[in-house]
Structure formats: C-alpha cells, structure tokens
Amino acid sequence: MQKKGDLVYFDPPYQPVSATANFTSYTTKNFTYDDLTRLADLCLKLDSKGCNVLLSNSNSKEVAEIFSKNPWKILKINANRSINSNSKKRTGHFELLIKNY
C-alpha cells in the first residue's frame, strides 16, 4: 500500500498524436481515453495520500487537458525517436512529464 512520501511512476501506453504515431497497447487490449481518465483518478487518490506522482505520456491535447488542473505540473521535454525510416524525422518530438511535486 502506498503511503505519504512514496514515489509512484506511471508509463502507460501513450495517447496517439497522429495516424502513424498511435501505439496504445502492450497487450491485445488498447489503452483508451477512458483508461487514461481512470489513471488520472488513481493519480489524484495517490496525491491525496501524500504520494509523489510522476507520469510520462505523449504531448497530446487529451493528456494536457486531463492533467491541466492542480496539483499537476506539466513539463514538455524533447524526446527523440530512434525508430524511423527517415533519420531526419527522428528529432523534434516532445513528451509530457506530469508530476505533483
């Protein structure tokens, strides 16, 4: 059971940002928008217990909206991709780090 001061990190399947950048599943089930909202609710419960919560996800409108209110702080970070047939397109990508501390 998590307690005050614990650090909890979530790295769920990222929300799609384009038709080709849409990996949302590590299993046969997709990680949907509803799953993301349930995760946000869990993060709030952990925050209310005094846990430090850190979450990474895509730089998508949906993620930014869900975590746009207190206690969340959103950091936009550069995240180059090592997989792309065109090496010039491996840069210029961003991810969001979301935290409550």
N, C-alpha and C. Protein backbone atom coordinates (compact mmCIF):
# COMPACT_ATOMS: atom_id res chain seq x y z
N MET A 1 0.83 -1.18 0.00
CA MET A 1 0.00 0.00 0.00
C MET A 1 0.88 1.25 0.00
N GLN A 2 0.55 2.20 -0.84
CA GLN A 2 1.33 3.42 -0.92
C GLN A 2 1.06 4.30 0.29
N LYS A 3 2.11 5.03 0.68
CA LYS A 3 1.96 5.92 1.83
C LYS A 3 2.63 7.26 1.53
N LYS A 4 2.42 8.20 2.41
CA LYS A 4 2.96 9.54 2.26
C LYS A 4 4.46 9.48 2.00
N GLY A 5 4.90 10.24 1.00
CA GLY A 5 6.31 10.30 0.67
C GLY A 5 6.77 9.30 -0.38
N ASP A 6 5.95 8.28 -0.69
CA ASP A 6 6.32 7.31 -1.72
C ASP A 6 6.33 8.00 -3.09
N LEU A 7 7.18 7.52 -3.98
CA LEU A 7 7.19 7.98 -5.36
C LEU A 7 6.54 6.91 -6.22
N VAL A 8 5.54 7.29 -6.98
CA VAL A 8 4.85 6.36 -7.87
C VAL A 8 5.00 6.89 -9.29
N TYR A 9 5.57 6.06 -10.19
CA TYR A 9 5.79 6.46 -11.58
C TYR A 9 4.93 5.62 -12.50
N PHE A 10 4.23 6.28 -13.42
CA PHE A 10 3.40 5.60 -14.41
C PHE A 10 3.94 5.90 -15.81
N ASP A 11 4.07 4.85 -16.62
CA ASP A 11 4.48 4.98 -18.01
C ASP A 11 3.50 4.16 -18.86
N PRO A 12 2.25 4.64 -18.96
CA PRO A 12 1.25 3.88 -19.71
C PRO A 12 1.47 4.01 -21.21
N PRO A 13 0.78 3.19 -22.02
CA PRO A 13 0.83 3.43 -23.46
C PRO A 13 0.42 4.87 -23.74
N TYR A 14 1.15 5.50 -24.62
CA TYR A 14 0.93 6.92 -24.90
C TYR A 14 -0.32 7.14 -25.75
N GLN A 15 -0.94 8.28 -25.54
CA GLN A 15 -2.09 8.66 -26.35
C GLN A 15 -1.60 9.00 -27.76
N PRO A 16 -2.39 8.64 -28.78
CA PRO A 16 -1.97 8.90 -30.17
C PRO A 16 -1.81 10.40 -30.44
N VAL A 17 -0.79 10.73 -31.23
CA VAL A 17 -0.60 12.13 -31.64
C VAL A 17 -0.73 12.28 -33.15
N SER A 18 -0.81 11.16 -33.88
CA SER A 18 -1.03 11.19 -35.32
C SER A 18 -1.51 9.81 -35.77
N ALA A 19 -1.85 9.72 -37.03
CA ALA A 19 -2.34 8.44 -37.57
C ALA A 19 -1.26 7.36 -37.54
N THR A 20 0.00 7.76 -37.65
CA THR A 20 1.09 6.77 -37.64
C THR A 20 1.76 6.64 -36.29
N ALA A 21 1.56 7.60 -35.40
CA ALA A 21 2.13 7.53 -34.05
C ALA A 21 1.01 7.22 -33.09
N ASN A 22 0.57 5.96 -33.11
CA ASN A 22 -0.62 5.60 -32.35
C ASN A 22 -0.49 4.28 -31.61
N PHE A 23 0.71 3.98 -31.10
CA PHE A 23 0.89 2.77 -30.31
C PHE A 23 0.20 2.96 -28.97
N THR A 24 -0.83 2.16 -28.70
CA THR A 24 -1.58 2.32 -27.45
C THR A 24 -1.72 1.01 -26.69
N SER A 25 -0.93 0.02 -27.03
CA SER A 25 -1.14 -1.25 -26.37
C SER A 25 0.14 -2.08 -26.25
N TYR A 26 0.35 -2.63 -25.06
CA TYR A 26 1.40 -3.61 -24.85
C TYR A 26 0.81 -5.02 -24.88
N THR A 27 -0.50 -5.10 -24.91
CA THR A 27 -1.21 -6.38 -24.91
C THR A 27 -2.25 -6.34 -26.02
N THR A 28 -3.18 -7.29 -26.02
CA THR A 28 -4.23 -7.31 -27.05
C THR A 28 -5.30 -6.26 -26.79
N LYS A 29 -5.28 -5.63 -25.64
CA LYS A 29 -6.26 -4.58 -25.33
C LYS A 29 -5.62 -3.21 -25.49
N ASN A 30 -6.35 -2.28 -26.09
CA ASN A 30 -5.86 -0.92 -26.24
C ASN A 30 -5.99 -0.15 -24.94
N PHE A 31 -5.14 0.84 -24.76
CA PHE A 31 -5.22 1.76 -23.63
C PHE A 31 -6.01 2.96 -24.13
N THR A 32 -7.26 3.05 -23.73
CA THR A 32 -8.20 4.03 -24.28
C THR A 32 -8.19 5.34 -23.50
N TYR A 33 -8.94 6.30 -24.02
CA TYR A 33 -9.11 7.57 -23.32
C TYR A 33 -9.75 7.33 -21.95
N ASP A 34 -10.71 6.42 -21.87
CA ASP A 34 -11.33 6.08 -20.58
C ASP A 34 -10.30 5.51 -19.61
N ASP A 35 -9.39 4.70 -20.11
CA ASP A 35 -8.31 4.17 -19.26
C ASP A 35 -7.44 5.31 -18.75
N LEU A 36 -7.16 6.27 -19.61
CA LEU A 36 -6.36 7.42 -19.20
C LEU A 36 -7.07 8.23 -18.11
N THR A 37 -8.36 8.42 -18.23
CA THR A 37 -9.09 9.16 -17.19
C THR A 37 -9.13 8.37 -15.88
N ARG A 38 -9.24 7.05 -15.96
CA ARG A 38 -9.18 6.23 -14.75
C ARG A 38 -7.81 6.33 -14.09
N LEU A 39 -6.76 6.35 -14.92
CA LEU A 39 -5.41 6.53 -14.39
C LEU A 39 -5.27 7.89 -13.71
N ALA A 40 -5.85 8.93 -14.31
CA ALA A 40 -5.80 10.27 -13.71
C ALA A 40 -6.50 10.27 -12.35
N ASP A 41 -7.62 9.56 -12.24
CA ASP A 41 -8.32 9.45 -10.96
C ASP A 41 -7.44 8.75 -9.92
N LEU A 42 -6.77 7.68 -10.34
CA LEU A 42 -5.87 6.97 -9.43
C LEU A 42 -4.73 7.89 -8.98
N CYS A 43 -4.20 8.68 -9.91
CA CYS A 43 -3.13 9.62 -9.56
C CYS A 43 -3.61 10.62 -8.51
N LEU A 44 -4.86 11.09 -8.65
CA LEU A 44 -5.41 12.02 -7.65
C LEU A 44 -5.55 11.35 -6.28
N LYS A 45 -5.95 10.09 -6.26
CA LYS A 45 -6.06 9.36 -4.99
C LYS A 45 -4.68 9.23 -4.33
N LEU A 46 -3.67 8.94 -5.14
CA LEU A 46 -2.31 8.84 -4.60
C LEU A 46 -1.84 10.18 -4.09
N ASP A 47 -2.18 11.25 -4.81
CA ASP A 47 -1.83 12.60 -4.36
C ASP A 47 -2.48 12.90 -3.00
N SER A 48 -3.73 12.50 -2.84
CA SER A 48 -4.43 12.77 -1.58
C SER A 48 -3.82 12.02 -0.41
N LYS A 49 -3.07 10.93 -0.69
CA LYS A 49 -2.37 10.19 0.36
C LYS A 49 -1.00 10.79 0.66
N GLY A 50 -0.60 11.79 -0.12
CA GLY A 50 0.71 12.40 0.08
C GLY A 50 1.82 11.76 -0.73
N CYS A 51 1.45 10.94 -1.70
CA CYS A 51 2.45 10.32 -2.57
C CYS A 51 2.93 11.32 -3.62
N ASN A 52 4.20 11.17 -4.00
CA ASN A 52 4.74 11.92 -5.13
C ASN A 52 4.44 11.11 -6.38
N VAL A 53 3.74 11.73 -7.34
CA VAL A 53 3.31 11.02 -8.54
C VAL A 53 4.02 11.62 -9.75
N LEU A 54 4.57 10.74 -10.59
CA LEU A 54 5.20 11.14 -11.84
C LEU A 54 4.63 10.28 -12.95
N LEU A 55 4.26 10.92 -14.06
CA LEU A 55 3.64 10.22 -15.18
C LEU A 55 4.25 10.75 -16.46
N SER A 56 4.54 9.87 -17.41
CA SER A 56 5.00 10.31 -18.72
C SER A 56 3.95 9.91 -19.74
N ASN A 57 3.81 10.75 -20.78
CA ASN A 57 2.86 10.45 -21.85
C ASN A 57 3.18 11.33 -23.05
N SER A 58 2.43 11.13 -24.11
CA SER A 58 2.64 11.90 -25.33
C SER A 58 2.21 13.35 -25.13
N ASN A 59 2.71 14.18 -25.99
CA ASN A 59 2.35 15.60 -26.00
C ASN A 59 1.03 15.74 -26.76
N SER A 60 -0.02 15.21 -26.17
CA SER A 60 -1.33 15.24 -26.83
C SER A 60 -2.27 16.19 -26.10
N LYS A 61 -3.23 16.69 -26.84
CA LYS A 61 -4.23 17.60 -26.29
C LYS A 61 -5.00 16.94 -25.14
N GLU A 62 -5.35 15.66 -25.32
CA GLU A 62 -6.14 14.95 -24.30
C GLU A 62 -5.38 14.83 -22.99
N VAL A 63 -4.12 14.46 -23.06
CA VAL A 63 -3.32 14.31 -21.84
C VAL A 63 -3.18 15.66 -21.15
N ALA A 64 -2.87 16.70 -21.91
CA ALA A 64 -2.70 18.04 -21.33
C ALA A 64 -3.99 18.52 -20.67
N GLU A 65 -5.13 18.24 -21.28
CA GLU A 65 -6.41 18.66 -20.69
C GLU A 65 -6.72 17.93 -19.39
N ILE A 66 -6.51 16.62 -19.40
CA ILE A 66 -6.84 15.82 -18.21
C ILE A 66 -6.00 16.25 -17.01
N PHE A 67 -4.73 16.60 -17.24
CA PHE A 67 -3.82 16.95 -16.15
C PHE A 67 -3.57 18.46 -16.07
N SER A 68 -4.51 19.26 -16.54
CA SER A 68 -4.31 20.71 -16.59
C SER A 68 -4.58 21.42 -15.27
N LYS A 69 -5.18 20.73 -14.31
CA LYS A 69 -5.54 21.38 -13.04
C LYS A 69 -4.59 20.95 -11.93
N ASN A 70 -4.64 21.73 -10.84
CA ASN A 70 -3.85 21.35 -9.65
C ASN A 70 -4.23 19.96 -9.22
N PRO A 71 -3.32 19.19 -8.74
CA PRO A 71 -1.96 19.53 -8.29
C PRO A 71 -0.89 19.33 -9.37
N TRP A 72 -1.28 19.16 -10.63
CA TRP A 72 -0.34 18.71 -11.65
C TRP A 72 0.48 19.83 -12.24
N LYS A 73 1.75 19.53 -12.41
CA LYS A 73 2.69 20.40 -13.13
C LYS A 73 3.10 19.63 -14.38
N ILE A 74 3.01 20.27 -15.53
CA ILE A 74 3.33 19.61 -16.79
C ILE A 74 4.61 20.20 -17.37
N LEU A 75 5.55 19.31 -17.64
CA LEU A 75 6.81 19.70 -18.27
C LEU A 75 6.85 19.08 -19.67
N LYS A 76 7.12 19.89 -20.67
CA LYS A 76 7.26 19.41 -22.04
C LYS A 76 8.74 19.18 -22.30
N ILE A 77 9.10 17.94 -22.64
CA ILE A 77 10.51 17.61 -22.84
C ILE A 77 10.75 17.09 -24.25
N ASN A 78 11.95 17.31 -24.76
CA ASN A 78 12.35 16.80 -26.06
C ASN A 78 12.56 15.30 -25.95
N ALA A 79 12.02 14.55 -26.89
CA ALA A 79 12.15 13.09 -26.87
C ALA A 79 12.40 12.59 -28.28
N ASN A 80 13.66 12.48 -28.65
CA ASN A 80 13.99 11.98 -29.98
C ASN A 80 13.62 10.52 -30.11
N ARG A 81 13.27 10.11 -31.29
CA ARG A 81 12.88 8.73 -31.57
C ARG A 81 14.02 8.05 -32.33
N SER A 82 14.32 6.82 -31.96
CA SER A 82 15.38 6.09 -32.65
C SER A 82 14.82 5.23 -33.78
N ILE A 83 13.50 5.16 -33.90
CA ILE A 83 12.89 4.34 -34.95
C ILE A 83 12.17 5.23 -35.94
N ASN A 84 12.67 5.27 -37.15
CA ASN A 84 12.01 5.96 -38.26
C ASN A 84 12.85 5.66 -39.49
N SER A 85 12.21 5.34 -40.59
CA SER A 85 12.96 5.03 -41.81
C SER A 85 13.75 6.23 -42.31
N ASN A 86 13.29 7.43 -41.97
CA ASN A 86 13.98 8.66 -42.36
C ASN A 86 14.65 9.23 -41.10
N SER A 87 15.97 9.14 -41.04
CA SER A 87 16.69 9.57 -39.84
C SER A 87 16.46 11.04 -39.50
N LYS A 88 16.12 11.87 -40.49
CA LYS A 88 15.88 13.29 -40.23
C LYS A 88 14.57 13.52 -39.47
N LYS A 89 13.71 12.52 -39.45
CA LYS A 89 12.43 12.65 -38.74
C LYS A 89 12.48 12.06 -37.34
N ARG A 90 13.67 11.72 -36.87
CA ARG A 90 13.81 11.14 -35.53
C ARG A 90 13.92 12.21 -34.45
N THR A 91 13.97 13.46 -34.82
CA THR A 91 14.08 14.54 -33.86
C THR A 91 12.82 15.40 -33.89
N GLY A 92 12.73 16.32 -32.94
CA GLY A 92 11.61 17.26 -32.93
C GLY A 92 10.35 16.72 -32.28
N HIS A 93 10.45 15.65 -31.53
CA HIS A 93 9.29 15.08 -30.85
C HIS A 93 9.31 15.51 -29.39
N PHE A 94 8.14 15.63 -28.82
CA PHE A 94 8.03 16.03 -27.42
C PHE A 94 7.15 15.06 -26.66
N GLU A 95 7.46 14.90 -25.40
CA GLU A 95 6.63 14.15 -24.46
C GLU A 95 6.31 15.05 -23.29
N LEU A 96 5.32 14.61 -22.51
CA LEU A 96 4.95 15.35 -21.30
C LEU A 96 5.35 14.55 -20.08
N LEU A 97 5.98 15.22 -19.14
CA LEU A 97 6.18 14.69 -17.79
C LEU A 97 5.22 15.44 -16.89
N ILE A 98 4.43 14.68 -16.17
CA ILE A 98 3.40 15.26 -15.32
C ILE A 98 3.69 14.84 -13.90
N LYS A 99 3.72 15.81 -12.99
CA LYS A 99 4.06 15.48 -11.60
C LYS A 99 3.30 16.39 -10.64
N ASN A 100 3.27 15.96 -9.39
CA ASN A 100 2.56 16.74 -8.35
C ASN A 100 3.52 17.28 -7.30
N TYR A 101 4.79 17.24 -7.54
CA TYR A 101 5.78 17.70 -6.55
C TYR A 101 6.72 18.70 -7.15
